[in-house]
């Protein structure tokens, strides 16, 4: 039974939930005893000041509840599992340093932004290089119908040989593949030799954008954890399909050998997030802090890149996207109007977007549940792209 990905994924999900709920309480009590409390700024939001002192760094719960089942149930020699474990530890460390500075150094700004970005870029380089250069990261493409011959064993040869590729999936298009190397086609016939440059830059951008989006979404109880759980469950569907040659053929998607193992990691990650929600829903007993939010964003980005579904992120992680955009628009418009009119003006009452709705008068639990509903709709739409072309 342990040879089946689905069985190990189910076990990983159950085990991670148990760890995050049962041992999560002990970790929360430990954080409270160490006075690892959140410092809350009075921004005029209802119920915000009352959250001061709530234990933070709860992302440690998510990380432990994910990695323990992964180490027990996943195939650790699998390159995709190795990359995801590195991502979890790398982003978890950056977030932990940020939270440590905020809590123990009493610096509300935490780790300077340039160091966060440097860490994200560093991870992008590592992940991009491993995905591009490692010999186990390959894909198989469907052969033309005329070349799909029946072998002596009776099986039909549908896919060609495994090979390195920088192709990715473009949603909603019939011929839905785009090769990153084509960006450099203008430089001449040997442009494919430099495909790794474009691939690395794309990986860096996606990891930085998604991790920052998750970080901004972590502003009210349960929003980031719940939204992320919805996203990773949808990614589990794509990972399992991409790593299963039968379903890859049926749905006409890229077949990525060995990528099915990512499903086990995602199951553990989803279980950890849902278990964390036991203590993080309103009123929160613990906050994930940057230890959790940066890790969540990094993991989601890397999974999407590994299974070549990163161009679906604007739809699937639409919540992260609008949170990011709301801050960018607010800051840009404020600076523009201050320069033009002498005083800054705002588009939203407050950014990120969830705080705008708080200012409008909505209770944060209502905002969170409605964001979850939108997230579910986006996840379903994303999965539909498997057939909607």
Protein backbone atom coordinates (compact mmCIF):
# COMPACT_ATOMS: atom_id res chain seq x y z
CA UNK A 1 0.00 0.00 0.00
CA UNK A 2 2.90 2.35 0.69
CA UNK A 3 3.86 2.12 -2.97
CA UNK A 4 0.75 4.11 -3.89
CA UNK A 5 1.09 7.89 -3.90
CA UNK A 6 -2.58 8.34 -3.01
CA UNK A 7 -2.27 6.20 0.14
CA UNK A 8 0.87 7.94 1.33
CA UNK A 9 -0.68 11.35 0.58
CA UNK A 10 -3.77 10.48 2.63
CA UNK A 11 -1.60 9.29 5.53
CA UNK A 12 0.54 12.43 5.30
CA UNK A 13 -2.58 14.61 5.43
CA UNK A 14 -3.95 12.86 8.52
CA UNK A 15 -0.59 12.82 10.32
CA UNK A 16 0.13 16.49 9.63
CA UNK A 17 -3.31 17.48 10.91
CA UNK A 18 -2.75 15.51 14.09
CA UNK A 19 0.66 17.07 14.64
CA UNK A 20 -0.55 20.63 14.03
CA UNK A 21 -3.60 20.26 16.29
CA UNK A 22 -2.26 18.06 19.09
CA UNK A 23 1.28 19.40 19.32
CA UNK A 24 0.29 22.83 18.07
CA UNK A 25 -1.23 23.62 21.45
CA UNK A 26 2.03 22.75 23.20
CA UNK A 27 3.99 24.98 20.85
CA UNK A 28 1.54 27.84 21.45
CA UNK A 29 1.94 27.42 25.22
CA UNK A 30 5.72 27.42 24.80
CA UNK A 31 5.61 30.61 22.71
CA UNK A 32 3.35 32.24 25.29
CA UNK A 33 5.73 31.22 28.10
CA UNK A 34 8.63 32.76 26.16
CA UNK A 35 6.54 35.92 25.75
CA UNK A 36 6.71 35.65 21.98
CA UNK A 37 3.77 38.03 21.59
CA UNK A 38 2.64 40.02 18.57
CA UNK A 39 3.24 43.77 18.69
CA UNK A 40 0.17 45.41 17.20
CA UNK A 41 0.05 48.95 15.87
CA UNK A 42 -3.11 50.93 16.55
CA UNK A 43 -4.39 51.47 13.02
CA UNK A 44 -7.94 52.24 14.04
CA UNK A 45 -9.23 48.80 13.10
CA UNK A 46 -11.89 47.15 15.24
CA UNK A 47 -10.46 44.51 17.56
CA UNK A 48 -6.88 45.09 16.42
CA UNK A 49 -5.42 46.42 19.66
CA UNK A 50 -6.92 43.48 21.60
CA UNK A 51 -4.68 41.13 19.62
CA UNK A 52 -1.51 42.53 21.19
CA UNK A 53 0.40 39.81 23.02
CA UNK A 54 -1.06 36.92 21.01
CA UNK A 55 1.76 34.42 20.37
CA UNK A 56 3.36 34.74 16.94
CA UNK A 57 5.93 32.65 15.05
CA UNK A 58 3.19 30.02 14.72
CA UNK A 59 4.56 29.22 11.29
CA UNK A 60 6.85 26.82 13.16
CA UNK A 61 3.77 24.63 13.67
CA UNK A 62 3.09 24.56 9.93
CA UNK A 63 6.72 23.78 9.09
CA UNK A 64 7.06 20.94 11.60
CA UNK A 65 3.64 19.46 10.78
CA UNK A 66 4.64 19.43 7.11
CA UNK A 67 8.20 18.13 7.30
CA UNK A 68 7.67 15.30 9.80
CA UNK A 69 5.12 13.42 7.61
CA UNK A 70 7.21 14.19 4.52
CA UNK A 71 10.32 12.65 6.10
CA UNK A 72 8.29 9.59 7.14
CA UNK A 73 6.18 9.01 4.04
CA UNK A 74 7.70 10.70 0.97
CA UNK A 75 10.54 9.39 -1.16
CA UNK A 76 13.36 11.61 0.03
CA UNK A 77 15.57 10.82 -2.96
CA UNK A 78 12.99 12.44 -5.24
CA UNK A 79 14.39 15.72 -6.58
CA UNK A 80 11.07 17.53 -6.23
CA UNK A 81 10.81 16.60 -2.55
CA UNK A 82 14.40 17.77 -2.01
CA UNK A 83 13.61 21.14 -3.63
CA UNK A 84 10.45 21.60 -1.54
CA UNK A 85 12.23 20.73 1.72
CA UNK A 86 14.97 23.27 0.87
CA UNK A 87 12.28 25.86 0.07
CA UNK A 88 10.47 25.24 3.36
CA UNK A 89 13.60 25.54 5.47
CA UNK A 90 15.02 28.49 3.50
CA UNK A 91 11.88 30.65 3.59
CA UNK A 92 11.10 29.52 7.13
CA UNK A 93 14.51 30.76 8.25
CA UNK A 94 14.04 34.16 6.60
CA UNK A 95 10.63 34.54 8.19
CA UNK A 96 11.94 33.38 11.57
CA UNK A 97 14.70 36.01 11.51
CA UNK A 98 12.13 38.66 10.64
CA UNK A 99 9.84 37.61 13.50
CA UNK A 100 12.78 37.34 15.92
CA UNK A 101 13.80 40.94 15.22
CA UNK A 102 10.23 42.13 15.71
CA UNK A 103 9.62 40.22 18.93
CA UNK A 104 12.95 40.12 20.75
CA UNK A 105 14.71 43.16 19.32
CA UNK A 106 11.47 45.20 19.63
CA UNK A 107 11.92 46.49 16.09
CA UNK A 108 8.45 46.66 14.53
CA UNK A 109 9.89 46.84 11.01
CA UNK A 110 11.62 43.48 11.36
CA UNK A 111 14.14 42.31 8.79
CA UNK A 112 14.93 45.01 6.24
CA UNK A 113 13.10 44.59 2.96
CA UNK A 114 16.29 44.33 0.91
CA UNK A 115 17.42 41.32 2.93
CA UNK A 116 14.05 39.62 2.48
CA UNK A 117 14.22 40.17 -1.26
CA UNK A 118 17.84 38.97 -1.30
CA UNK A 119 16.73 35.77 0.42
CA UNK A 120 13.88 35.29 -2.05
CA UNK A 121 16.19 35.89 -4.99
CA UNK A 122 18.70 33.44 -3.54
CA UNK A 123 16.04 30.76 -3.28
CA UNK A 124 14.93 31.54 -6.83
CA UNK A 125 18.44 30.97 -8.11
CA UNK A 126 18.77 27.67 -6.23
CA UNK A 127 15.36 26.34 -7.26
CA UNK A 128 15.72 27.52 -10.86
CA UNK A 129 19.17 25.97 -11.19
CA UNK A 130 18.05 22.64 -9.71
CA UNK A 131 14.98 22.46 -11.94
CA UNK A 132 16.95 23.35 -15.04
CA UNK A 133 20.19 21.40 -14.57
CA UNK A 134 19.26 18.34 -12.48
CA UNK A 135 19.07 15.21 -14.68
CA UNK A 136 15.93 13.89 -12.92
CA UNK A 137 13.87 16.95 -13.87
CA UNK A 138 12.50 15.97 -17.26
CA UNK A 139 9.22 15.86 -19.15
CA UNK A 140 7.66 13.75 -21.88
CA UNK A 141 5.63 15.17 -24.72
CA UNK A 142 2.90 13.38 -26.63
CA UNK A 143 3.98 12.06 -29.98
CA UNK A 144 2.06 12.92 -33.16
CA UNK A 145 -0.81 10.46 -33.73
CA UNK A 146 1.04 8.85 -36.67
CA UNK A 147 3.95 7.99 -34.36
CA UNK A 148 1.83 6.51 -31.56
CA UNK A 149 2.55 2.86 -32.29
CA UNK A 150 1.50 -0.24 -30.36
CA UNK A 151 4.49 -1.96 -28.77
CA UNK A 152 5.11 -5.71 -28.49
CA UNK A 153 3.77 -5.63 -24.94
CA UNK A 154 0.44 -4.44 -26.30
CA UNK A 155 0.77 -0.95 -24.82
CA UNK A 156 0.42 2.08 -27.02
CA UNK A 157 3.45 4.37 -27.12
CA UNK A 158 1.90 7.80 -26.58
CA UNK A 159 4.76 9.84 -25.11
CA UNK A 160 8.24 10.36 -26.46
CA UNK A 161 11.47 9.97 -24.53
CA UNK A 162 12.08 11.98 -21.36
CA UNK A 163 14.06 15.13 -22.03
CA UNK A 164 15.01 18.47 -20.52
CA UNK A 165 12.64 21.30 -21.35
CA UNK A 166 11.82 24.87 -20.38
CA UNK A 167 8.25 24.60 -21.59
CA UNK A 168 5.34 25.63 -19.40
CA UNK A 169 1.56 25.51 -19.63
CA UNK A 170 -0.45 28.45 -20.94
CA UNK A 171 -4.07 28.33 -19.71
CA UNK A 172 -7.12 28.49 -21.99
CA UNK A 173 -5.19 27.84 -25.23
CA UNK A 174 -5.50 24.68 -27.34
CA UNK A 175 -1.81 24.50 -28.19
CA UNK A 176 -1.12 25.48 -24.63
CA UNK A 177 2.65 25.32 -24.26
CA UNK A 178 5.17 28.12 -24.14
CA UNK A 179 8.93 27.65 -24.15
CA UNK A 180 10.88 30.19 -22.09
CA UNK A 181 13.79 29.83 -24.48
CA UNK A 182 11.75 31.43 -27.27
CA UNK A 183 12.12 34.78 -25.50
CA UNK A 184 15.73 34.76 -26.72
CA UNK A 185 15.03 33.59 -30.27
CA UNK A 186 16.11 36.98 -31.59
CA UNK A 187 19.77 36.38 -30.69
CA UNK A 188 20.30 33.62 -33.26
CA UNK A 189 20.22 29.88 -33.84
CA UNK A 190 21.92 28.96 -30.55
CA UNK A 191 19.37 30.83 -28.42
CA UNK A 192 18.33 27.64 -26.60
CA UNK A 193 21.77 27.47 -24.97
CA UNK A 194 20.81 30.53 -22.92
CA UNK A 195 17.30 29.37 -21.95
CA UNK A 196 18.46 28.87 -18.36
CA UNK A 197 18.83 32.65 -17.95
CA UNK A 198 15.18 33.31 -18.77
CA UNK A 199 14.05 30.33 -16.68
CA UNK A 200 16.03 31.53 -13.64
CA UNK A 201 14.68 35.08 -13.96
CA UNK A 202 11.11 33.79 -14.23
CA UNK A 203 11.61 31.54 -11.19
CA UNK A 204 13.04 34.40 -9.12
CA UNK A 205 10.17 36.73 -10.07
CA UNK A 206 7.44 34.17 -9.30
CA UNK A 207 8.88 33.12 -5.94
CA UNK A 208 9.36 36.74 -4.85
CA UNK A 209 5.89 37.82 -5.99
CA UNK A 210 3.96 34.91 -4.48
CA UNK A 211 5.82 34.91 -1.15
CA UNK A 212 5.23 38.64 -0.77
CA UNK A 213 1.58 38.16 -1.72
CA UNK A 214 1.13 35.52 0.98
CA UNK A 215 2.93 37.79 3.45
CA UNK A 216 0.53 40.68 2.73
CA UNK A 217 -2.51 38.39 2.95
CA UNK A 218 -1.57 37.40 6.50
CA UNK A 219 -3.34 40.30 8.18
CA UNK A 220 -6.50 38.95 9.81
CA UNK A 221 -7.31 35.70 11.58
CA UNK A 222 -7.39 32.66 9.32
CA UNK A 223 -7.15 34.49 5.99
CA UNK A 224 -3.69 33.41 4.83
CA UNK A 225 -3.87 29.84 6.16
CA UNK A 226 -7.35 29.17 4.76
CA UNK A 227 -6.67 30.74 1.37
CA UNK A 228 -3.38 28.85 1.08
CA UNK A 229 -5.02 25.52 1.96
CA UNK A 230 -7.46 26.00 -0.93
CA UNK A 231 -4.63 26.85 -3.32
CA UNK A 232 -2.46 23.85 -2.43
CA UNK A 233 -5.35 21.40 -2.67
CA UNK A 234 -5.90 22.58 -6.26
CA UNK A 235 -2.16 22.23 -6.91
CA UNK A 236 -2.35 18.66 -5.58
CA UNK A 237 -4.75 17.81 -8.41
CA UNK A 238 -2.33 19.21 -10.99
CA UNK A 239 0.68 17.50 -9.42
CA UNK A 240 -1.02 14.11 -9.34
CA UNK A 241 -2.29 14.40 -12.92
CA UNK A 242 1.08 15.63 -14.22
CA UNK A 243 2.89 12.71 -12.61
CA UNK A 244 0.41 10.05 -13.75
CA UNK A 245 1.00 8.93 -17.34
CA UNK A 246 -2.57 7.68 -17.81
CA UNK A 247 -4.27 10.91 -16.74
CA UNK A 248 -1.63 13.04 -18.44
CA UNK A 249 -2.52 11.29 -21.71
CA UNK A 250 -6.28 11.51 -21.13
CA UNK A 251 -6.22 15.22 -20.23
CA UNK A 252 -3.50 16.03 -22.78
CA UNK A 253 -1.20 17.71 -20.26
CA UNK A 254 2.54 17.60 -19.80
CA UNK A 255 3.72 14.32 -18.32
CA UNK A 256 6.43 15.11 -15.79
CA UNK A 257 8.06 11.90 -14.52
CA UNK A 258 8.45 11.65 -10.73
CA UNK A 259 6.41 14.83 -10.12
CA UNK A 260 3.52 12.79 -8.68
CA UNK A 261 5.53 12.51 -5.47
CA UNK A 262 4.84 16.22 -4.91
CA UNK A 263 1.28 15.16 -4.03
CA UNK A 264 2.55 13.62 -0.79
CA UNK A 265 4.27 16.86 0.16
CA UNK A 266 1.20 18.93 -0.72
CA UNK A 267 -1.06 16.65 1.32
CA UNK A 268 1.17 17.13 4.37
CA UNK A 269 1.27 20.88 3.76
CA UNK A 270 -2.51 21.13 3.37
CA UNK A 271 -3.04 19.11 6.55
CA UNK A 272 -0.65 21.38 8.44
CA UNK A 273 -2.48 24.51 7.23
CA UNK A 274 -5.92 23.16 8.10
CA UNK A 275 -4.70 21.97 11.50
CA UNK A 276 -3.15 25.39 12.10
CA UNK A 277 -6.55 26.96 11.39
CA UNK A 278 -7.83 25.18 14.52
CA UNK A 279 -5.95 27.79 16.53
CA UNK A 280 -5.75 30.60 13.97
CA UNK A 281 -9.43 31.19 13.21
CA UNK A 282 -11.12 34.15 14.90
CA UNK A 283 -10.28 34.89 17.65
CA UNK A 284 -6.77 33.66 16.90
CA UNK A 285 -4.79 31.93 19.63
CA UNK A 286 -1.64 32.18 17.54
CA UNK A 287 -0.37 34.07 14.48
CA UNK A 288 1.81 32.42 11.85
CA UNK A 289 4.05 35.47 11.52
CA UNK A 290 6.47 35.82 8.64
CA UNK A 291 7.83 32.39 9.61
CA UNK A 292 4.63 30.97 8.18
CA UNK A 293 3.52 33.44 5.51
CA UNK A 294 6.84 33.66 3.65
CA UNK A 295 7.15 29.86 3.76
CA UNK A 296 3.62 29.39 2.42
CA UNK A 297 4.20 31.74 -0.51
CA UNK A 298 7.55 30.20 -1.38
CA UNK A 299 6.20 26.65 -1.31
CA UNK A 300 3.16 27.49 -3.46
CA UNK A 301 5.38 29.22 -6.04
CA UNK A 302 7.89 26.36 -6.22
CA UNK A 303 5.18 23.70 -6.57
CA UNK A 304 3.56 25.65 -9.42
CA UNK A 305 6.90 26.08 -11.20
CA UNK A 306 7.89 22.42 -10.73
CA UNK A 307 4.69 21.13 -12.37
CA UNK A 308 4.85 23.86 -15.04
CA UNK A 309 1.61 25.53 -13.98
CA UNK A 310 3.08 28.85 -12.83
CA UNK A 311 1.08 30.85 -15.38
CA UNK A 312 -2.06 29.74 -13.55
CA UNK A 313 -0.95 31.51 -10.37
CA UNK A 314 -2.71 34.82 -11.20
CA UNK A 315 -5.99 32.87 -11.25
CA UNK A 316 -5.35 30.24 -8.57
CA UNK A 317 -3.66 32.65 -6.14
CA UNK A 318 -5.95 35.52 -7.11
CA UNK A 319 -6.37 36.47 -3.45
CA UNK A 320 -2.62 37.00 -3.12
CA UNK A 321 -2.60 38.92 -6.39
CA UNK A 322 -5.28 41.44 -5.42
CA UNK A 323 -3.69 41.93 -2.00
CA UNK A 324 -0.38 42.69 -3.71
CA UNK A 325 -2.00 44.98 -6.28
CA UNK A 326 -3.99 46.87 -3.64
CA UNK A 327 -0.77 47.83 -1.84
CA UNK A 328 1.04 48.75 -5.07
CA UNK A 329 -1.86 50.87 -6.31
CA UNK A 330 -2.34 52.56 -2.94
CA UNK A 331 1.32 53.50 -2.57
CA UNK A 332 1.76 54.56 -6.21
CA UNK A 333 -1.39 56.70 -6.25
CA UNK A 334 -0.53 58.30 -2.91
CA UNK A 335 2.95 59.29 -4.16
CA UNK A 336 1.56 60.53 -7.48
CA UNK A 337 -1.14 62.71 -5.94
CA UNK A 338 1.23 64.07 -3.30
CA UNK A 339 3.59 65.16 -6.05
CA UNK A 340 0.81 66.60 -8.22
CA UNK A 341 -1.54 68.14 -5.66
CA UNK A 342 0.70 68.62 -2.63
CA UNK A 343 -1.13 66.05 -0.54
CA UNK A 344 -1.41 62.29 -0.92
CA UNK A 345 -4.75 60.72 -1.77
CA UNK A 346 -5.84 57.12 -1.40
CA UNK A 347 -7.79 54.67 -3.55
CA UNK A 348 -8.68 52.42 -0.64
CA UNK A 349 -9.47 53.35 2.94
CA UNK A 350 -6.50 51.17 3.86
CA UNK A 351 -4.33 48.55 2.24
CA UNK A 352 -3.93 45.59 1.88
CA UNK A 353 -7.46 45.06 0.62
CA UNK A 354 -8.75 43.10 3.62
CA UNK A 355 -8.06 46.12 5.84
CA UNK A 356 -10.11 48.28 3.46
CA UNK A 357 -13.14 46.10 4.18
CA UNK A 358 -12.40 46.25 7.90
CA UNK A 359 -12.41 50.05 7.68
CA UNK A 360 -15.70 49.84 5.79
CA UNK A 361 -17.22 48.10 8.82
CA UNK A 362 -17.21 44.40 7.95
CA UNK A 363 -16.28 41.99 10.74
CA UNK A 364 -13.02 40.23 10.01
CA UNK A 365 -14.55 36.74 10.20
CA UNK A 366 -17.04 37.72 7.45
CA UNK A 367 -14.20 39.09 5.32
CA UNK A 368 -12.18 35.90 5.77
CA UNK A 369 -15.02 33.53 4.87
CA UNK A 370 -15.93 35.57 1.78
CA UNK A 371 -12.30 35.59 0.68
CA UNK A 372 -12.26 31.79 1.15
CA UNK A 373 -15.38 31.47 -1.02
CA UNK A 374 -13.73 33.53 -3.76
CA UNK A 375 -10.60 31.38 -3.36
CA UNK A 376 -12.64 28.19 -3.86
CA UNK A 377 -14.24 29.62 -7.01
CA UNK A 378 -10.79 30.54 -8.36
CA UNK A 379 -9.45 27.06 -7.52
CA UNK A 380 -12.34 25.38 -9.35
CA UNK A 381 -11.84 27.66 -12.36
CA UNK A 382 -8.14 26.78 -12.34
CA UNK A 383 -8.84 23.03 -12.33
CA UNK A 384 -11.35 23.49 -15.16
CA UNK A 385 -8.50 24.80 -17.33
CA UNK A 386 -7.40 21.17 -17.64
CA UNK A 387 -10.19 20.79 -20.21
CA UNK A 388 -11.26 24.35 -20.99
CA UNK A 389 -9.13 25.39 -23.99
